[in-house]
Amino acid sequence: MATFTVWKFEDPSGADRAEQLLESLQKQELIQVHDAATVSWPPDKKKPKTRQVNSMTRIGALGGAFWGLLFGLLFFIPLLGVAVGAAAGALGGSLSDVGIDDGLIKQIREKVTPGTSALFALTSDAVQDKVLQAFEESGLKPELVQSNLTSEQEERLREAFAENE
C-alpha cells in the first residue's frame, strides 16, 4: 500500500533539505520513493515555486501532469494549461477517487503558505520509526500530513497520471 505524504516546513528551504534526507533514507532501504515534488514559497512572493524531484526515481510514477494538477488546485497555479476555476470541482473530484480528498486538499492549502515549504511524496515500504527518527534528528521539525492509499486507489492514481509506461 502506498502513502501520499506531505511534510510541511516552517521555512522556504526546508523541503529541499528534506529531499536530501529522503534520498539518503531510500539509499538505506528505509523507504521506497515512487515519486516526489517540492514546493518552496518565499515570504515575499504571491505564488510558490514547484519542482518535481527526479533524483530519487528513474521515471516518476505519477509524472508532471499529476503534480501540475495537484499544485494548480492547491495554490491556484494554472500549470500545464489546467484552468483552475470551473474545472477545479471536477478535478478535485477525480483526485478524491484516488485517495486525495477535499479535506486533505484543504488541510494542505491552509498549511503551505508564504514563508513555508513542503515535500510531497508517494512512498511505500517505509520503516516508519526509522524514518520519523531521521526527521526528528535532522532538526528540520516537519509537520506531517499523510493519506494512506488503498491498493485500488494507488493503481487508479498510477493509471490516471503515469506518463511513460
C-alpha atoms as a PDB file:
ATOM      1  CA  MET A   1       0.000   0.000   0.000  1.00  0.00           C
ATOM      2  CA  ALA A   2       1.303   3.432  -0.925  1.00  0.00           C
ATOM      3  CA  THR A   3       1.286   6.518   1.211  1.00  0.00           C
ATOM      4  CA  PHE A   4       0.797  10.002  -0.191  1.00  0.00           C
ATOM      5  CA  THR A   5       2.774  12.109   2.251  1.00  0.00           C
ATOM      6  CA  VAL A   6       3.262  15.821   2.713  1.00  0.00           C
ATOM      7  CA  TRP A   7       5.951  17.128   5.060  1.00  0.00           C
ATOM      8  CA  LYS A   8       5.460  20.852   5.732  1.00  0.00           C
ATOM      9  CA  PHE A   9       8.350  23.058   6.921  1.00  0.00           C
ATOM     10  CA  GLU A  10       8.353  26.485   8.552  1.00  0.00           C
ATOM     11  CA  ASP A  11      10.868  27.958   6.100  1.00  0.00           C
ATOM     12  CA  PRO A  12      11.172  28.086   2.303  1.00  0.00           C
ATOM     13  CA  SER A  13      14.277  25.845   2.185  1.00  0.00           C
ATOM     14  CA  GLY A  14      13.114  23.036   4.488  1.00  0.00           C
ATOM     15  CA  ALA A  15      11.675  20.918   1.671  1.00  0.00           C
ATOM     16  CA  ASP A  16      14.964  20.955  -0.230  1.00  0.00           C
ATOM     17  CA  ARG A  17      16.843  19.763   2.861  1.00  0.00           C
ATOM     18  CA  ALA A  18      14.176  17.112   3.484  1.00  0.00           C
ATOM     19  CA  GLU A  19      14.533  15.912  -0.102  1.00  0.00           C
ATOM     20  CA  GLN A  20      18.206  15.166   0.576  1.00  0.00           C
ATOM     21  CA  LEU A  21      17.268  13.305   3.771  1.00  0.00           C
ATOM     22  CA  LEU A  22      14.591  11.276   1.988  1.00  0.00           C
ATOM     23  CA  GLU A  23      17.082  10.359  -0.738  1.00  0.00           C
ATOM     24  CA  SER A  24      19.507   9.141   1.940  1.00  0.00           C
ATOM     25  CA  LEU A  25      16.761   7.093   3.622  1.00  0.00           C
ATOM     26  CA  GLN A  26      15.915   5.482   0.292  1.00  0.00           C
ATOM     27  CA  LYS A  27      19.574   4.538  -0.260  1.00  0.00           C
ATOM     28  CA  GLN A  28      19.487   2.885   3.181  1.00  0.00           C
ATOM     29  CA  GLU A  29      16.359   0.985   2.046  1.00  0.00           C
ATOM     30  CA  LEU A  30      14.275   2.524   4.819  1.00  0.00           C
ATOM     31  CA  ILE A  31      11.665   3.843   2.371  1.00  0.00           C
ATOM     32  CA  GLN A  32      10.754   3.408  -1.297  1.00  0.00           C
ATOM     33  CA  VAL A  33      10.058   6.698  -3.096  1.00  0.00           C
ATOM     34  CA  HIS A  34       7.878   6.294  -6.188  1.00  0.00           C
ATOM     35  CA  ASP A  35       7.536   9.990  -6.972  1.00  0.00           C
ATOM     36  CA  ALA A  36       8.107  13.293  -5.206  1.00  0.00           C
ATOM     37  CA  ALA A  37       7.887  17.047  -5.653  1.00  0.00           C
ATOM     38  CA  THR A  38       8.749  20.116  -3.618  1.00  0.00           C
ATOM     39  CA  VAL A  39       7.018  23.421  -3.017  1.00  0.00           C
ATOM     40  CA  SER A  40       9.027  26.405  -1.811  1.00  0.00           C
ATOM     41  CA  TRP A  41       7.151  29.607  -1.034  1.00  0.00           C
ATOM     42  CA  PRO A  42       9.316  32.655  -0.320  1.00  0.00           C
ATOM     43  CA  PRO A  43       7.528  35.072   2.042  1.00  0.00           C
ATOM     44  CA  ASP A  44       7.590  37.930  -0.465  1.00  0.00           C
ATOM     45  CA  LYS A  45       6.071  36.000  -3.398  1.00  0.00           C
ATOM     46  CA  LYS A  46       2.429  35.585  -4.432  1.00  0.00           C
ATOM     47  CA  LYS A  47       2.921  32.039  -5.714  1.00  0.00           C
ATOM     48  CA  PRO A  48       5.175  29.184  -4.639  1.00  0.00           C
ATOM     49  CA  LYS A  49       7.916  27.568  -6.717  1.00  0.00           C
ATOM     50  CA  THR A  50       7.205  23.920  -7.505  1.00  0.00           C
ATOM     51  CA  ARG A  51       9.580  21.227  -8.714  1.00  0.00           C
ATOM     52  CA  GLN A  52       9.256  17.524  -9.447  1.00  0.00           C
ATOM     53  CA  VAL A  53      12.069  15.520  -7.843  1.00  0.00           C
ATOM     54  CA  ASN A  54      13.793  13.307 -10.386  1.00  0.00           C
ATOM     55  CA  SER A  55      16.892  12.238  -8.459  1.00  0.00           C
ATOM     56  CA  MET A  56      15.166   9.507  -6.422  1.00  0.00           C
ATOM     57  CA  THR A  57      13.113   7.917  -9.172  1.00  0.00           C
ATOM     58  CA  ARG A  58      14.131   6.870 -12.659  1.00  0.00           C
ATOM     59  CA  ILE A  59      10.756   7.823 -14.050  1.00  0.00           C
ATOM     60  CA  GLY A  60       8.214   9.379 -11.734  1.00  0.00           C
ATOM     61  CA  ALA A  61       5.305   7.063 -11.047  1.00  0.00           C
ATOM     62  CA  LEU A  62       2.837   9.900 -11.409  1.00  0.00           C
ATOM     63  CA  GLY A  63       4.511  12.381 -13.729  1.00  0.00           C
ATOM     64  CA  GLY A  64       4.263  16.085 -14.272  1.00  0.00           C
ATOM     65  CA  ALA A  65       0.551  16.048 -15.118  1.00  0.00           C
ATOM     66  CA  PHE A  66      -0.327  14.868 -11.609  1.00  0.00           C
ATOM     67  CA  TRP A  67       1.895  17.403  -9.875  1.00  0.00           C
ATOM     68  CA  GLY A  68       0.652  20.187 -12.165  1.00  0.00           C
ATOM     69  CA  LEU A  69      -2.951  19.302 -11.395  1.00  0.00           C
ATOM     70  CA  LEU A  70      -2.379  18.989  -7.661  1.00  0.00           C
ATOM     71  CA  PHE A  71      -0.363  22.196  -7.318  1.00  0.00           C
ATOM     72  CA  GLY A  72      -2.818  24.031  -9.556  1.00  0.00           C
ATOM     73  CA  LEU A  73      -5.667  23.044  -7.246  1.00  0.00           C
ATOM     74  CA  LEU A  74      -3.724  23.766  -4.079  1.00  0.00           C
ATOM     75  CA  PHE A  75      -2.208  27.096  -4.999  1.00  0.00           C
ATOM     76  CA  PHE A  76      -4.393  28.228  -7.915  1.00  0.00           C
ATOM     77  CA  ILE A  77      -1.465  27.955 -10.316  1.00  0.00           C
ATOM     78  CA  PRO A  78      -2.663  27.246 -13.861  1.00  0.00           C
ATOM     79  CA  LEU A  79       0.110  24.756 -14.715  1.00  0.00           C
ATOM     80  CA  LEU A  80       0.177  22.662 -17.871  1.00  0.00           C
ATOM     81  CA  GLY A  81      -2.822  24.507 -19.226  1.00  0.00           C
ATOM     82  CA  VAL A  82      -5.068  23.349 -16.380  1.00  0.00           C
ATOM     83  CA  ALA A  83      -7.578  26.144 -15.882  1.00  0.00           C
ATOM     84  CA  VAL A  84      -8.458  26.476 -12.231  1.00  0.00           C
ATOM     85  CA  GLY A  85     -11.951  27.723 -11.624  1.00  0.00           C
ATOM     86  CA  ALA A  86     -14.951  25.980 -13.083  1.00  0.00           C
ATOM     87  CA  ALA A  87     -12.837  22.878 -13.688  1.00  0.00           C
ATOM     88  CA  ALA A  88     -11.473  22.779 -10.126  1.00  0.00           C
ATOM     89  CA  GLY A  89     -14.506  20.974  -8.748  1.00  0.00           C
ATOM     90  CA  ALA A  90     -14.348  18.242 -11.365  1.00  0.00           C
ATOM     91  CA  LEU A  91     -10.589  17.890 -10.992  1.00  0.00           C
ATOM     92  CA  GLY A  92     -10.848  17.759  -7.214  1.00  0.00           C
ATOM     93  CA  GLY A  93     -13.464  15.054  -7.562  1.00  0.00           C
ATOM     94  CA  SER A  94     -11.126  12.971  -9.686  1.00  0.00           C
ATOM     95  CA  LEU A  95      -8.400  13.270  -7.037  1.00  0.00           C
ATOM     96  CA  SER A  96     -10.788  12.078  -4.320  1.00  0.00           C
ATOM     97  CA  ASP A  97     -11.293   8.933  -6.394  1.00  0.00           C
ATOM     98  CA  VAL A  98      -7.598   8.188  -5.899  1.00  0.00           C
ATOM     99  CA  GLY A  99      -7.482   8.909  -2.153  1.00  0.00           C
ATOM    100  CA  ILE A 100      -6.690  12.627  -2.139  1.00  0.00           C
ATOM    101  CA  ASP A 101      -9.938  14.078  -0.855  1.00  0.00           C
ATOM    102  CA  ASP A 102     -11.179  17.631  -0.361  1.00  0.00           C
ATOM    103  CA  GLY A 103     -10.291  17.526   3.338  1.00  0.00           C
ATOM    104  CA  LEU A 104      -6.650  16.745   2.599  1.00  0.00           C
ATOM    105  CA  ILE A 105      -6.518  19.406  -0.148  1.00  0.00           C
ATOM    106  CA  LYS A 106      -7.977  21.980   2.274  1.00  0.00           C
ATOM    107  CA  GLN A 107      -5.577  20.969   5.042  1.00  0.00           C
ATOM    108  CA  ILE A 108      -2.540  21.312   2.757  1.00  0.00           C
ATOM    109  CA  ARG A 109      -3.789  24.628   1.353  1.00  0.00           C
ATOM    110  CA  GLU A 110      -4.138  26.027   4.890  1.00  0.00           C
ATOM    111  CA  LYS A 111      -0.693  24.856   5.998  1.00  0.00           C
ATOM    112  CA  VAL A 112       1.538  25.563   2.987  1.00  0.00           C
ATOM    113  CA  THR A 113       1.586  29.360   2.895  1.00  0.00           C
ATOM    114  CA  PRO A 114       4.095  32.141   2.124  1.00  0.00           C
ATOM    115  CA  GLY A 115       7.316  31.617   4.084  1.00  0.00           C
ATOM    116  CA  THR A 116       6.957  27.813   4.218  1.00  0.00           C
ATOM    117  CA  SER A 117       7.832  24.813   2.056  1.00  0.00           C
ATOM    118  CA  ALA A 118       6.650  21.240   1.632  1.00  0.00           C
ATOM    119  CA  LEU A 119       7.888  17.918   0.323  1.00  0.00           C
ATOM    120  CA  PHE A 120       5.193  15.824  -1.364  1.00  0.00           C
ATOM    121  CA  ALA A 121       5.917  12.127  -1.903  1.00  0.00           C
ATOM    122  CA  LEU A 122       4.297   8.892  -2.983  1.00  0.00           C
ATOM    123  CA  THR A 123       6.104   6.218  -0.978  1.00  0.00           C
ATOM    124  CA  SER A 124       5.809   2.653   0.248  1.00  0.00           C
ATOM    125  CA  ASP A 125       7.663   0.144   2.387  1.00  0.00           C
ATOM    126  CA  ALA A 126       8.714   2.730   4.965  1.00  0.00           C
ATOM    127  CA  VAL A 127      10.339   1.630   8.191  1.00  0.00           C
ATOM    128  CA  GLN A 128       8.262   4.285   9.922  1.00  0.00           C
ATOM    129  CA  ASP A 129      10.078   4.527  13.244  1.00  0.00           C
ATOM    130  CA  LYS A 130      13.448   4.918  11.473  1.00  0.00           C
ATOM    131  CA  VAL A 131      12.102   7.482   9.002  1.00  0.00           C
ATOM    132  CA  LEU A 132      10.470   9.536  11.765  1.00  0.00           C
ATOM    133  CA  GLN A 133      13.619   9.290  13.884  1.00  0.00           C
ATOM    134  CA  ALA A 134      15.749  10.542  10.979  1.00  0.00           C
ATOM    135  CA  PHE A 135      13.461  13.543  10.503  1.00  0.00           C
ATOM    136  CA  GLU A 136      13.499  14.304  14.237  1.00  0.00           C
ATOM    137  CA  GLU A 137      17.302  14.070  14.406  1.00  0.00           C
ATOM    138  CA  SER A 138      17.723  16.262  11.310  1.00  0.00           C
ATOM    139  CA  GLY A 139      16.447  19.335  13.118  1.00  0.00           C
ATOM    140  CA  LEU A 140      14.026  20.025  10.260  1.00  0.00           C
ATOM    141  CA  LYS A 141      10.933  19.806  12.502  1.00  0.00           C
ATOM    142  CA  PRO A 142       8.407  18.980   9.791  1.00  0.00           C
ATOM    143  CA  GLU A 143       4.685  18.787  10.267  1.00  0.00           C
ATOM    144  CA  LEU A 144       3.478  15.506   8.773  1.00  0.00           C
ATOM    145  CA  VAL A 145       0.270  15.236   6.757  1.00  0.00           C
ATOM    146  CA  GLN A 146      -0.431  11.918   5.103  1.00  0.00           C
ATOM    147  CA  SER A 147      -3.098   9.857   3.428  1.00  0.00           C
ATOM    148  CA  ASN A 148      -2.723   6.104   3.082  1.00  0.00           C
ATOM    149  CA  LEU A 149      -3.964   4.897  -0.268  1.00  0.00           C
ATOM    150  CA  THR A 150      -5.648   1.563  -0.789  1.00  0.00           C
ATOM    151  CA  SER A 151      -4.091  -0.682  -3.428  1.00  0.00           C
ATOM    152  CA  GLU A 152      -7.033   0.137  -5.701  1.00  0.00           C
ATOM    153  CA  GLN A 153      -6.596   3.912  -5.224  1.00  0.00           C
ATOM    154  CA  GLU A 154      -2.865   3.621  -5.862  1.00  0.00           C
ATOM    155  CA  GLU A 155      -3.487   1.722  -9.100  1.00  0.00           C
ATOM    156  CA  ARG A 156      -6.090   4.273 -10.268  1.00  0.00           C
ATOM    157  CA  LEU A 157      -3.657   7.091  -9.459  1.00  0.00           C
ATOM    158  CA  ARG A 158      -0.867   5.450 -11.445  1.00  0.00           C
ATOM    159  CA  GLU A 159      -3.179   4.681 -14.383  1.00  0.00           C
ATOM    160  CA  ALA A 160      -4.567   8.207 -14.468  1.00  0.00           C
ATOM    161  CA  PHE A 161      -1.263  10.062 -14.324  1.00  0.00           C
ATOM    162  CA  ALA A 162       1.587   7.775 -15.426  1.00  0.00           C
ATOM    163  CA  GLU A 163       3.402   9.331 -18.370  1.00  0.00           C
ATOM    164  CA  ASN A 164       5.944   6.746 -19.533  1.00  0.00           C
ATOM    165  CA  GLU A 165       4.719   3.194 -19.295  1.00  0.00           C
END
